[in-house]
Amino acid sequence: MSINEIVVCVLLVVGVSGFAVTSIGLLLSDELYDQIHFLAPGSLIGAVAIPAAVLVHDGFSQAGVKAIVIAILLFVSNPVLSHTTARAGRVRRKRQLAPAADEDIPFAGEEK
């Protein structure tokens, strides 16, 4: 087994593990905002490790360049999609986007 094959295997294991953590987290959490947080391992770790494995295996061929483009698109679009999903959840729950004048917004780690 060559060094390239070992690196590809390690990257694939890391990528699939990221997606597995995402899947388990989505199944175990029942609140929208917790589920949004569990999307990060799949979209960041998995979506970068698997195209990196393709790049190591194939080099800068057509498949390698496509893998780079896909990784960049996923890496950039996930935070935007997570943010818009959270905003849409707030609008649906509160029936408004901006906080009300009398609404108390807790800081991170504070009790509601």
C-alpha atoms as a PDB file:
ATOM      1  CA  MET A   1       0.000   0.000   0.000  1.00  0.00           C
ATOM      2  CA  SER A   2       1.486   3.326  -1.047  1.00  0.00           C
ATOM      3  CA  ILE A   3       1.490   6.595   0.880  1.00  0.00           C
ATOM      4  CA  ASN A   4      -1.103   8.079  -1.492  1.00  0.00           C
ATOM      5  CA  GLU A   5      -3.511   5.211  -0.832  1.00  0.00           C
ATOM      6  CA  ILE A   6      -3.089   5.579   2.928  1.00  0.00           C
ATOM      7  CA  VAL A   7      -3.718   9.333   2.749  1.00  0.00           C
ATOM      8  CA  VAL A   8      -6.816   8.769   0.591  1.00  0.00           C
ATOM      9  CA  CYS A   9      -8.144   6.170   3.050  1.00  0.00           C
ATOM     10  CA  VAL A  10      -7.565   8.451   6.039  1.00  0.00           C
ATOM     11  CA  LEU A  11      -9.253  11.387   4.302  1.00  0.00           C
ATOM     12  CA  LEU A  12     -12.235   9.221   3.357  1.00  0.00           C
ATOM     13  CA  VAL A  13     -12.582   7.932   6.921  1.00  0.00           C
ATOM     14  CA  VAL A  14     -12.460  11.500   8.256  1.00  0.00           C
ATOM     15  CA  GLY A  15     -15.014  12.666   5.690  1.00  0.00           C
ATOM     16  CA  VAL A  16     -17.434   9.818   6.275  1.00  0.00           C
ATOM     17  CA  SER A  17     -17.046  10.272  10.043  1.00  0.00           C
ATOM     18  CA  GLY A  18     -18.042  13.916   9.676  1.00  0.00           C
ATOM     19  CA  PHE A  19     -21.183  12.919   7.804  1.00  0.00           C
ATOM     20  CA  ALA A  20     -21.913  10.169  10.358  1.00  0.00           C
ATOM     21  CA  VAL A  21     -21.714  12.663  13.236  1.00  0.00           C
ATOM     22  CA  THR A  22     -24.061  14.950  11.313  1.00  0.00           C
ATOM     23  CA  SER A  23     -26.554  12.152  10.703  1.00  0.00           C
ATOM     24  CA  ILE A  24     -26.546  10.949  14.309  1.00  0.00           C
ATOM     25  CA  GLY A  25     -26.868  14.504  15.601  1.00  0.00           C
ATOM     26  CA  LEU A  26     -29.824  15.203  13.327  1.00  0.00           C
ATOM     27  CA  LEU A  27     -31.554  12.021  14.457  1.00  0.00           C
ATOM     28  CA  LEU A  28     -31.015  12.652  18.169  1.00  0.00           C
ATOM     29  CA  SER A  29     -31.878  16.357  18.342  1.00  0.00           C
ATOM     30  CA  ASP A  30     -35.419  17.598  18.097  1.00  0.00           C
ATOM     31  CA  GLU A  31     -34.968  21.380  18.098  1.00  0.00           C
ATOM     32  CA  LEU A  32     -34.334  23.277  14.868  1.00  0.00           C
ATOM     33  CA  TYR A  33     -31.380  25.273  16.194  1.00  0.00           C
ATOM     34  CA  ASP A  34     -29.624  22.169  17.527  1.00  0.00           C
ATOM     35  CA  GLN A  35     -30.073  20.484  14.169  1.00  0.00           C
ATOM     36  CA  ILE A  36     -28.532  23.478  12.412  1.00  0.00           C
ATOM     37  CA  HIS A  37     -25.443  23.156  14.637  1.00  0.00           C
ATOM     38  CA  PHE A  38     -25.137  19.462  13.808  1.00  0.00           C
ATOM     39  CA  LEU A  39     -24.895  20.278  10.089  1.00  0.00           C
ATOM     40  CA  ALA A  40     -21.420  21.754  10.567  1.00  0.00           C
ATOM     41  CA  PRO A  41     -19.349  18.526  10.752  1.00  0.00           C
ATOM     42  CA  GLY A  42     -20.771  17.206   7.511  1.00  0.00           C
ATOM     43  CA  SER A  43     -20.592  20.445   5.617  1.00  0.00           C
ATOM     44  CA  LEU A  44     -17.165  21.486   6.786  1.00  0.00           C
ATOM     45  CA  ILE A  45     -15.172  18.376   7.648  1.00  0.00           C
ATOM     46  CA  GLY A  46     -16.833  15.918   5.310  1.00  0.00           C
ATOM     47  CA  ALA A  47     -17.227  18.262   2.395  1.00  0.00           C
ATOM     48  CA  VAL A  48     -13.553  19.192   2.501  1.00  0.00           C
ATOM     49  CA  ALA A  49     -12.006  15.801   3.353  1.00  0.00           C
ATOM     50  CA  ILE A  50     -13.731  13.810   0.614  1.00  0.00           C
ATOM     51  CA  PRO A  51     -12.823  16.217  -2.237  1.00  0.00           C
ATOM     52  CA  ALA A  52      -9.297  16.332  -0.787  1.00  0.00           C
ATOM     53  CA  ALA A  53      -9.170  12.541  -1.107  1.00  0.00           C
ATOM     54  CA  VAL A  54     -10.241  12.848  -4.754  1.00  0.00           C
ATOM     55  CA  LEU A  55      -7.560  15.481  -5.287  1.00  0.00           C
ATOM     56  CA  VAL A  56      -4.861  13.300  -3.718  1.00  0.00           C
ATOM     57  CA  HIS A  57      -5.978  10.297  -5.749  1.00  0.00           C
ATOM     58  CA  ASP A  58      -6.491  11.966  -9.131  1.00  0.00           C
ATOM     59  CA  GLY A  59      -4.353  15.091  -8.880  1.00  0.00           C
ATOM     60  CA  PHE A  60      -5.300  18.215 -10.795  1.00  0.00           C
ATOM     61  CA  SER A  61      -7.257  16.322 -13.424  1.00  0.00           C
ATOM     62  CA  GLN A  62     -10.831  17.131 -14.398  1.00  0.00           C
ATOM     63  CA  ALA A  63     -12.135  15.217 -11.360  1.00  0.00           C
ATOM     64  CA  GLY A  64      -9.688  16.977  -9.039  1.00  0.00           C
ATOM     65  CA  VAL A  65     -10.655  20.443 -10.225  1.00  0.00           C
ATOM     66  CA  LYS A  66     -14.350  19.603  -9.910  1.00  0.00           C
ATOM     67  CA  ALA A  67     -13.730  18.337  -6.377  1.00  0.00           C
ATOM     68  CA  ILE A  68     -12.046  21.650  -5.485  1.00  0.00           C
ATOM     69  CA  VAL A  69     -14.975  23.643  -6.885  1.00  0.00           C
ATOM     70  CA  ILE A  70     -17.497  21.494  -4.992  1.00  0.00           C
ATOM     71  CA  ALA A  71     -15.549  21.839  -1.725  1.00  0.00           C
ATOM     72  CA  ILE A  72     -15.369  25.621  -2.080  1.00  0.00           C
ATOM     73  CA  LEU A  73     -19.075  25.902  -2.881  1.00  0.00           C
ATOM     74  CA  LEU A  74     -20.076  23.732   0.087  1.00  0.00           C
ATOM     75  CA  PHE A  75     -17.651  25.492   2.438  1.00  0.00           C
ATOM     76  CA  VAL A  76     -19.002  28.925   1.475  1.00  0.00           C
ATOM     77  CA  SER A  77     -22.693  28.120   1.133  1.00  0.00           C
ATOM     78  CA  ASN A  78     -23.239  26.193   4.379  1.00  0.00           C
ATOM     79  CA  PRO A  79     -22.878  29.155   6.772  1.00  0.00           C
ATOM     80  CA  VAL A  80     -25.195  31.220   4.582  1.00  0.00           C
ATOM     81  CA  LEU A  81     -27.804  28.457   4.412  1.00  0.00           C
ATOM     82  CA  SER A  82     -27.548  27.819   8.174  1.00  0.00           C
ATOM     83  CA  HIS A  83     -28.063  31.495   8.903  1.00  0.00           C
ATOM     84  CA  THR A  84     -31.058  31.826   6.599  1.00  0.00           C
ATOM     85  CA  THR A  85     -32.618  28.655   8.011  1.00  0.00           C
ATOM     86  CA  ALA A  86     -32.270  30.005  11.553  1.00  0.00           C
ATOM     87  CA  ARG A  87     -33.805  33.330  10.512  1.00  0.00           C
ATOM     88  CA  ALA A  88     -36.682  31.550   8.797  1.00  0.00           C
ATOM     89  CA  GLY A  89     -37.229  29.474  11.948  1.00  0.00           C
ATOM     90  CA  ARG A  90     -37.346  32.634  14.044  1.00  0.00           C
ATOM     91  CA  VAL A  91     -39.822  34.289  11.691  1.00  0.00           C
ATOM     92  CA  ARG A  92     -42.014  31.207  11.735  1.00  0.00           C
ATOM     93  CA  ARG A  93     -41.897  30.876  15.535  1.00  0.00           C
ATOM     94  CA  LYS A  94     -42.125  34.544  16.529  1.00  0.00           C
ATOM     95  CA  ARG A  95     -44.078  35.810  13.497  1.00  0.00           C
ATOM     96  CA  GLN A  96     -41.546  38.635  13.197  1.00  0.00           C
ATOM     97  CA  LEU A  97     -37.899  39.053  12.275  1.00  0.00           C
ATOM     98  CA  ALA A  98     -36.732  41.869  14.503  1.00  0.00           C
ATOM     99  CA  PRO A  99     -36.892  41.487  18.309  1.00  0.00           C
ATOM    100  CA  ALA A 100     -39.856  43.148  19.960  1.00  0.00           C
ATOM    101  CA  ALA A 101     -39.214  46.174  22.187  1.00  0.00           C
ATOM    102  CA  ASP A 102     -40.056  44.219  25.350  1.00  0.00           C
ATOM    103  CA  GLU A 103     -38.360  40.956  24.292  1.00  0.00           C
ATOM    104  CA  ASP A 104     -35.471  39.877  26.499  1.00  0.00           C
ATOM    105  CA  ILE A 105     -32.751  38.229  24.424  1.00  0.00           C
ATOM    106  CA  PRO A 106     -30.453  36.055  26.584  1.00  0.00           C
ATOM    107  CA  PHE A 107     -26.722  35.959  26.012  1.00  0.00           C
ATOM    108  CA  ALA A 108     -25.063  32.657  25.109  1.00  0.00           C
ATOM    109  CA  GLY A 109     -25.084  30.335  28.106  1.00  0.00           C
ATOM    110  CA  GLU A 110     -27.785  32.214  30.026  1.00  0.00           C
ATOM    111  CA  GLU A 111     -31.078  30.678  30.998  1.00  0.00           C
ATOM    112  CA  LYS A 112     -34.152  31.758  29.052  1.00  0.00           C
END
